[in-house]
Protein backbone atom coordinates (compact mmCIF):
# COMPACT_ATOMS: atom_id res chain seq x y z
CA UNK A 1 -20.98 -16.72 -45.58
CA UNK A 2 -20.16 -20.44 -45.64
CA UNK A 3 -18.04 -21.26 -48.70
CA UNK A 4 -15.18 -23.57 -49.13
CA UNK A 5 -13.84 -21.33 -51.94
CA UNK A 6 -12.08 -17.99 -50.97
CA UNK A 7 -14.31 -14.99 -51.54
CA UNK A 8 -12.68 -12.42 -53.88
CA UNK A 9 -14.00 -8.93 -53.54
CA UNK A 10 -13.19 -6.32 -56.21
CA UNK A 11 -13.08 -2.97 -54.51
CA UNK A 12 -14.28 -0.35 -56.87
CA UNK A 13 -14.39 2.18 -53.98
CA UNK A 14 -14.53 5.57 -55.49
CA UNK A 15 -12.62 4.61 -58.61
CA UNK A 16 -15.65 5.18 -60.79
CA UNK A 17 -14.88 8.91 -60.24
CA UNK A 18 -18.56 9.51 -59.81
CA UNK A 19 -19.48 8.20 -63.24
CA UNK A 20 -21.97 5.32 -63.82
CA UNK A 21 -20.21 4.29 -67.10
CA UNK A 22 -16.84 3.82 -65.24
CA UNK A 23 -18.45 1.80 -62.42
CA UNK A 24 -19.97 -0.57 -65.07
CA UNK A 25 -16.75 -0.97 -66.88
CA UNK A 26 -14.89 -1.84 -63.65
CA UNK A 27 -17.74 -4.28 -62.60
CA UNK A 28 -17.62 -5.98 -66.03
CA UNK A 29 -13.80 -6.33 -65.76
CA UNK A 30 -14.10 -7.76 -62.30
CA UNK A 31 -16.74 -10.37 -63.49
CA UNK A 32 -14.35 -11.36 -66.35
CA UNK A 33 -11.55 -11.66 -63.76
CA UNK A 34 -13.57 -14.05 -61.72
CA UNK A 35 -14.42 -11.93 -58.62
CA UNK A 36 -17.46 -12.86 -56.40
CA UNK A 37 -18.29 -9.38 -55.19
CA UNK A 38 -17.69 -5.95 -56.39
CA UNK A 39 -17.77 -3.16 -53.65
CA UNK A 40 -18.73 0.46 -53.76
CA UNK A 41 -18.78 3.15 -51.13
CA UNK A 42 -21.99 4.97 -50.13
CA UNK A 43 -21.82 8.21 -48.03
CA UNK A 44 -23.25 11.64 -47.70
CA UNK A 45 -20.33 13.95 -47.42
CA UNK A 46 -22.12 16.36 -44.98
CA UNK A 47 -22.84 13.34 -42.80
CA UNK A 48 -19.24 11.96 -43.02
CA UNK A 49 -17.00 14.91 -42.15
CA UNK A 50 -16.83 18.46 -41.22
CA UNK A 51 -15.53 21.02 -43.77
CA UNK A 52 -12.25 21.67 -41.96
CA UNK A 53 -11.15 17.86 -42.01
CA UNK A 54 -7.55 17.80 -43.43
CA UNK A 55 -6.61 15.42 -46.12
CA UNK A 56 -5.04 11.95 -45.33
CA UNK A 57 -1.43 11.63 -46.63
CA UNK A 58 -2.49 9.33 -49.56
CA UNK A 59 -5.27 11.86 -50.50
CA UNK A 60 -2.92 14.74 -50.51
CA UNK A 61 -0.52 13.09 -52.67
CA UNK A 62 -3.20 12.62 -55.36
CA UNK A 63 -5.19 15.88 -54.92
CA UNK A 64 -2.82 18.57 -53.53
CA UNK A 65 -5.09 21.58 -54.07
CA UNK A 66 -8.34 20.01 -52.89
CA UNK A 67 -9.89 19.73 -49.28
CA UNK A 68 -11.01 16.32 -48.09
CA UNK A 69 -14.65 17.54 -48.08
CA UNK A 70 -14.41 18.74 -51.71
CA UNK A 71 -12.49 15.51 -52.67
CA UNK A 72 -15.24 13.26 -51.27
CA UNK A 73 -18.00 15.41 -52.60
CA UNK A 74 -16.71 14.90 -56.12
CA UNK A 75 -16.98 11.05 -55.87
CA UNK A 76 -20.22 10.91 -53.80
CA UNK A 77 -23.03 8.65 -55.30
CA UNK A 78 -26.68 8.24 -54.21
CA UNK A 79 -29.38 5.65 -53.92
CA UNK A 80 -30.43 5.93 -57.60
CA UNK A 81 -26.84 5.26 -58.54
CA UNK A 82 -26.66 2.07 -56.29
CA UNK A 83 -29.89 0.81 -57.72
CA UNK A 84 -28.64 1.10 -61.33
CA UNK A 85 -25.33 -0.66 -60.20
CA UNK A 86 -27.24 -3.43 -58.36
CA UNK A 87 -29.41 -4.14 -61.56
CA UNK A 88 -26.23 -4.26 -63.62
CA UNK A 89 -24.64 -6.69 -61.19
CA UNK A 90 -27.60 -8.96 -61.21
CA UNK A 91 -27.48 -8.91 -65.01
CA UNK A 92 -23.83 -9.94 -64.86
CA UNK A 93 -24.42 -12.46 -61.93
CA UNK A 94 -21.90 -10.88 -59.61
CA UNK A 95 -22.74 -9.77 -56.08
CA UNK A 96 -22.80 -6.15 -55.12
CA UNK A 97 -21.30 -5.21 -51.68
CA UNK A 98 -21.52 -1.63 -50.34
CA UNK A 99 -19.72 0.20 -47.55
CA UNK A 100 -22.02 2.72 -45.75
CA UNK A 101 -19.94 5.56 -44.10
CA UNK A 102 -22.90 7.07 -42.19
CA UNK A 103 -26.27 6.10 -40.75
CA UNK A 104 -28.36 7.71 -43.47
CA UNK A 105 -26.39 5.78 -46.06
CA UNK A 106 -26.84 2.62 -44.04
CA UNK A 107 -30.60 3.15 -44.01
CA UNK A 108 -30.51 3.29 -47.73
CA UNK A 109 -28.96 -0.18 -47.98
CA UNK A 110 -31.38 -1.57 -45.38
CA UNK A 111 -34.19 -0.04 -47.33
CA UNK A 112 -33.04 -1.72 -50.42
CA UNK A 113 -32.81 -5.10 -48.69
CA UNK A 114 -28.99 -5.56 -48.92
CA UNK A 115 -27.95 -8.64 -46.91
CA UNK A 116 -24.23 -8.20 -46.98
CA UNK A 117 -22.45 -4.97 -45.94
CA UNK A 118 -18.91 -3.94 -45.42
CA UNK A 119 -17.91 -1.81 -42.39
CA UNK A 120 -14.67 0.13 -43.11
CA UNK A 121 -11.66 0.37 -40.96
CA UNK A 122 -12.54 4.08 -40.27
CA UNK A 123 -15.85 3.02 -38.63
CA UNK A 124 -14.63 -0.03 -36.53
CA UNK A 125 -14.69 2.21 -33.46
CA UNK A 126 -17.85 4.18 -34.55
CA UNK A 127 -20.06 2.54 -32.00
CA UNK A 128 -23.17 4.74 -33.04
CA UNK A 129 -23.01 3.12 -36.41
CA UNK A 130 -22.15 -0.42 -35.17
CA UNK A 131 -25.08 -0.25 -32.70
CA UNK A 132 -27.58 0.77 -35.53
CA UNK A 133 -26.16 -2.20 -37.68
CA UNK A 134 -26.60 -4.67 -34.86
CA UNK A 135 -30.36 -4.34 -35.13
CA UNK A 136 -30.56 -5.96 -38.57
CA UNK A 137 -29.79 -9.64 -39.53
CA UNK A 138 -26.94 -8.88 -41.83
CA UNK A 139 -23.76 -10.47 -42.96
CA UNK A 140 -20.76 -8.24 -42.15
CA UNK A 141 -17.32 -7.85 -43.64
CA UNK A 142 -15.47 -5.86 -40.87
CA UNK A 143 -12.21 -4.27 -41.89
CA UNK A 144 -9.62 -3.80 -39.07
CA UNK A 145 -7.22 -1.15 -40.20
CA UNK A 146 -6.09 1.46 -37.66
CA UNK A 147 -7.31 -0.82 -34.83
CA UNK A 148 -6.10 -2.91 -31.86
CA UNK A 149 -7.36 -6.07 -30.21
CA UNK A 150 -9.40 -4.09 -27.56
CA UNK A 151 -11.18 -2.10 -30.37
CA UNK A 152 -11.89 -5.26 -32.50
CA UNK A 153 -13.35 -7.05 -29.51
CA UNK A 154 -15.49 -4.08 -28.66
CA UNK A 155 -16.77 -3.86 -32.22
CA UNK A 156 -17.69 -7.67 -32.39
CA UNK A 157 -19.59 -7.43 -29.07
CA UNK A 158 -21.68 -4.54 -30.20
CA UNK A 159 -22.43 -6.01 -33.74
CA UNK A 160 -23.36 -9.49 -32.17
CA UNK A 161 -25.50 -8.23 -29.37
CA UNK A 162 -28.71 -8.06 -31.21
CA UNK A 163 -29.71 -9.68 -34.52
CA UNK A 164 -26.31 -10.27 -36.14
CA UNK A 165 -24.89 -13.82 -35.63
CA UNK A 166 -21.24 -13.89 -34.74
CA UNK A 167 -20.82 -16.62 -37.44
CA UNK A 168 -21.96 -13.96 -39.99
CA UNK A 169 -18.99 -11.55 -39.19
CA UNK A 170 -15.68 -11.95 -41.13
CA UNK A 171 -12.75 -9.96 -39.85
CA UNK A 172 -10.40 -8.51 -42.44
CA UNK A 173 -6.81 -7.75 -41.63
CA UNK A 174 -6.02 -4.52 -43.15
CA UNK A 175 -3.39 -1.80 -43.28
CA UNK A 176 -4.88 1.59 -43.83
CA UNK A 177 -2.58 3.23 -46.34
CA UNK A 178 -2.89 3.40 -50.16
CA UNK A 179 -0.69 1.79 -51.16
CA UNK A 180 0.40 0.08 -48.02
CA UNK A 181 4.00 -0.98 -47.34
CA UNK A 182 4.45 -4.83 -47.42
CA UNK A 183 6.02 -4.74 -44.04
CA UNK A 184 2.82 -3.36 -42.54
CA UNK A 185 0.67 -6.29 -43.82
CA UNK A 186 1.08 -8.19 -40.44
CA UNK A 187 -0.66 -11.21 -41.78
CA UNK A 188 0.02 -13.26 -38.69
CA UNK A 189 -2.60 -11.15 -36.93
CA UNK A 190 -5.27 -13.22 -38.81
CA UNK A 191 -4.45 -16.33 -36.92
CA UNK A 192 -4.85 -14.39 -33.75
CA UNK A 193 -8.33 -13.32 -34.73
CA UNK A 194 -9.36 -17.00 -34.87
CA UNK A 195 -7.78 -17.67 -31.42
CA UNK A 196 -9.03 -14.55 -29.67
CA UNK A 197 -12.49 -14.15 -31.21
CA UNK A 198 -13.39 -17.71 -32.68
CA UNK A 199 -14.37 -15.96 -35.86
CA UNK A 200 -13.67 -16.19 -39.57
CA UNK A 201 -11.08 -14.00 -41.15
CA UNK A 202 -9.71 -12.55 -44.31
CA UNK A 203 -7.52 -9.86 -45.76
CA UNK A 204 -8.18 -6.48 -47.37
CA UNK A 205 -5.02 -6.02 -49.48
CA UNK A 206 -3.74 -2.47 -50.07
CA UNK A 207 -0.16 -3.69 -50.87
CA UNK A 208 1.06 -3.63 -54.43
CA UNK A 209 1.22 -7.00 -56.17
CA UNK A 210 -0.01 -10.55 -55.40
CA UNK A 211 2.31 -11.66 -52.60
CA UNK A 212 0.49 -10.70 -49.49
CA UNK A 213 -2.75 -12.00 -50.68
CA UNK A 214 -1.24 -15.27 -51.67
CA UNK A 215 0.32 -15.63 -48.21
CA UNK A 216 -3.02 -14.75 -46.56
CA UNK A 217 -4.71 -17.53 -48.42
CA UNK A 218 -1.98 -19.92 -47.22
CA UNK A 219 -2.69 -18.87 -43.65
CA UNK A 220 -6.38 -19.65 -43.88
CA UNK A 221 -7.90 -16.33 -45.25
CA UNK A 222 -11.55 -16.98 -46.41
CA UNK A 223 -11.92 -13.55 -48.07
CA UNK A 224 -9.50 -11.37 -50.22
CA UNK A 225 -10.30 -7.89 -51.14
CA UNK A 226 -8.33 -5.89 -53.77
CA UNK A 227 -8.78 -2.37 -55.26
CA UNK A 228 -9.44 -2.31 -59.04
CA UNK A 229 -9.59 0.49 -61.37
CA UNK A 230 -9.72 1.37 -65.18
CA UNK A 231 -6.58 3.46 -65.12
CA UNK A 232 -3.92 3.60 -62.30
CA UNK A 233 -2.85 6.96 -63.52
CA UNK A 234 -6.37 8.54 -63.18
CA UNK A 235 -7.01 11.41 -60.79
CA UNK A 236 -8.32 10.19 -57.51
CA UNK A 237 -7.21 8.91 -54.04
CA UNK A 238 -7.16 5.06 -54.77
CA UNK A 239 -6.12 4.67 -58.32
CA UNK A 240 -2.40 4.36 -57.65
CA UNK A 241 -3.00 1.50 -55.19
CA UNK A 242 -5.40 -0.34 -57.44
CA UNK A 243 -5.10 -3.04 -60.13
CA UNK A 244 -6.10 -2.63 -63.78
CA UNK A 245 -8.03 -5.21 -65.76
CA UNK A 246 -4.95 -7.27 -66.80
CA UNK A 247 -3.42 -7.20 -63.35
CA UNK A 248 -6.56 -8.22 -61.61
CA UNK A 249 -7.20 -11.13 -63.96
CA UNK A 250 -3.72 -12.49 -63.05
CA UNK A 251 -4.31 -11.66 -59.38
CA UNK A 252 -7.53 -13.66 -59.18
CA UNK A 253 -5.83 -16.56 -61.04
CA UNK A 254 -3.00 -16.47 -58.51
CA UNK A 255 -5.47 -16.75 -55.55
CA UNK A 256 -7.33 -19.69 -57.22
CA UNK A 257 -3.98 -21.37 -57.76
CA UNK A 258 -2.91 -20.91 -54.23
CA UNK A 259 -6.23 -22.53 -53.12
CA UNK A 260 -5.54 -25.53 -55.33
CA UNK A 261 -1.99 -25.70 -54.06
CA UNK A 262 -3.13 -25.93 -50.42
CA UNK A 263 -4.94 -29.18 -51.15
CA UNK A 264 -6.08 -31.24 -48.23
CA UNK A 265 -5.17 -31.43 -44.62
CA UNK A 266 -3.76 -35.07 -44.98
CA UNK A 267 -1.03 -36.51 -47.07
CA UNK A 268 -2.24 -38.48 -50.12
CA UNK A 269 -0.75 -39.48 -53.42
CA UNK A 270 -1.80 -37.38 -56.38
CA UNK A 271 -3.02 -39.12 -59.54
CA UNK A 272 0.21 -38.15 -61.30
CA UNK A 273 2.30 -39.54 -58.30
CA UNK A 274 0.47 -42.89 -58.46
CA UNK A 275 1.41 -43.18 -62.16
CA UNK A 276 5.05 -42.06 -61.52
CA UNK A 277 5.43 -44.32 -58.48
CA UNK A 278 5.30 -47.33 -60.71
CA UNK A 279 8.48 -46.43 -62.57
CA UNK A 280 10.22 -44.54 -59.94
CA UNK A 281 9.70 -46.54 -56.79
CA UNK A 282 11.39 -49.94 -56.40
CA UNK A 283 10.58 -53.63 -56.16
CA UNK A 284 12.61 -56.46 -54.57
CA UNK A 285 14.49 -58.27 -57.43
CA UNK A 286 17.17 -61.03 -57.74
CA UNK A 287 20.61 -59.62 -58.33
CA UNK A 288 21.85 -63.04 -59.33
CA UNK A 289 20.42 -66.34 -60.33
CA UNK A 290 18.56 -67.87 -57.27
CA UNK A 291 17.87 -71.54 -57.00
CA UNK A 292 14.76 -72.91 -55.26
CA UNK A 293 15.46 -73.54 -51.68
CA UNK A 294 17.97 -70.69 -51.28
CA UNK A 295 17.38 -68.17 -48.42
CA UNK A 296 17.01 -64.63 -49.49
CA UNK A 297 19.67 -62.26 -48.31
CA UNK A 298 21.41 -59.05 -49.38
CA UNK A 299 23.78 -60.87 -51.58
CA UNK A 300 21.13 -62.41 -53.85
CA UNK A 301 18.36 -59.78 -53.69
CA UNK A 302 18.06 -55.97 -53.82
CA UNK A 303 15.62 -53.21 -54.54
CA UNK A 304 15.44 -51.81 -57.97
CA UNK A 305 12.99 -49.89 -60.25
CA UNK A 306 10.21 -50.43 -61.40
CA UNK A 307 7.57 -51.01 -58.75
CA UNK A 308 5.92 -53.95 -60.37
CA UNK A 309 6.79 -56.56 -57.99
CA UNK A 310 7.00 -56.90 -54.10
CA UNK A 311 7.33 -53.27 -52.80
CA UNK A 312 10.70 -52.44 -51.42
CA UNK A 313 8.96 -51.47 -48.16
CA UNK A 314 8.51 -55.19 -47.54
CA UNK A 315 12.14 -55.86 -47.43
CA UNK A 316 12.31 -57.06 -43.74
CA UNK A 317 9.37 -59.40 -44.58
CA UNK A 318 11.38 -61.07 -47.47
CA UNK A 319 14.97 -61.22 -46.02
CA UNK A 320 15.54 -64.57 -44.49
CA UNK A 321 12.69 -66.44 -46.18
CA UNK A 322 13.39 -69.65 -48.30
CA UNK A 323 12.86 -69.23 -51.92
CA UNK A 324 10.04 -71.38 -53.48
CA UNK A 325 11.19 -70.78 -57.14
CA UNK A 326 14.09 -70.51 -59.32
CA UNK A 327 14.99 -66.85 -60.33
CA UNK A 328 17.15 -65.32 -62.84
CA UNK A 329 18.90 -62.06 -62.45
CA UNK A 330 16.49 -59.10 -62.42
CA UNK A 331 13.43 -61.27 -61.95
CA UNK A 332 10.84 -59.96 -59.44
CA UNK A 333 10.92 -61.93 -56.40
CA UNK A 334 7.75 -63.78 -55.31
CA UNK A 335 7.06 -65.27 -51.97
């Protein structure tokens, strides 16, 4: 996962609402916007939860009369669906990332030779799943919502104990709510990831708007993930916290602009500044007529625009020297 460019993941999640045509439309929009990956969720509802599991708050707000089991069952997809989506992604030349929520779903991805997988915040402390994942040479995006430092450390230890290289794990700062409040973004935690775990980091953004992700890039995030949808008013748990096509296009551009604005880690003149410095910076010039043999001092020379003569930064070098030439007022001084 070595890349100088920030990796942008368009999180489709279950916003396809179980329909292949919807998934393809979202993927096409994500490609147009400039995303590097699109991500789907793969699970078998019976493996994921028991029937009596209550709804999360954000799910309840969107589906008041439905159980979590019924809600997730409605959006469940299978291996055939994933294969069709992968073929479509290959056609569009965009990478497919999938989050498995149970071991059977993970086996499906391994069987289909996926090299990248996402582990959701909900499974960061699922040591059964993590141990199974560790047996395969995979590249991992690990979301850290609902977790603390101890749990993250344990997850990294398990994932990297067998075939997964630590360098192939990227931690994603995340606040597990849809949408998440901006005050819960806690972006400074990412710098702590690098310090504590010596590991690459990114940000899975569930807040509304662009601000948190732009700040994350400025803090060194190598990955940005954002939910996308066809219709923010559609029925489903994640549409409200997602971006439509127009918003996501602007979002990707804002991330790319933020990358460009960061520039290099040393101070240099830009091309435009070099050009501007000629007319804005100053040279040492005569402020009255000067005869050959006179000594330069603050009464006969000064610094004025443009920067076409001896640079003003050489002032101390010039002061006190004897003039070798006659100068008229506003002539560039020569030594």
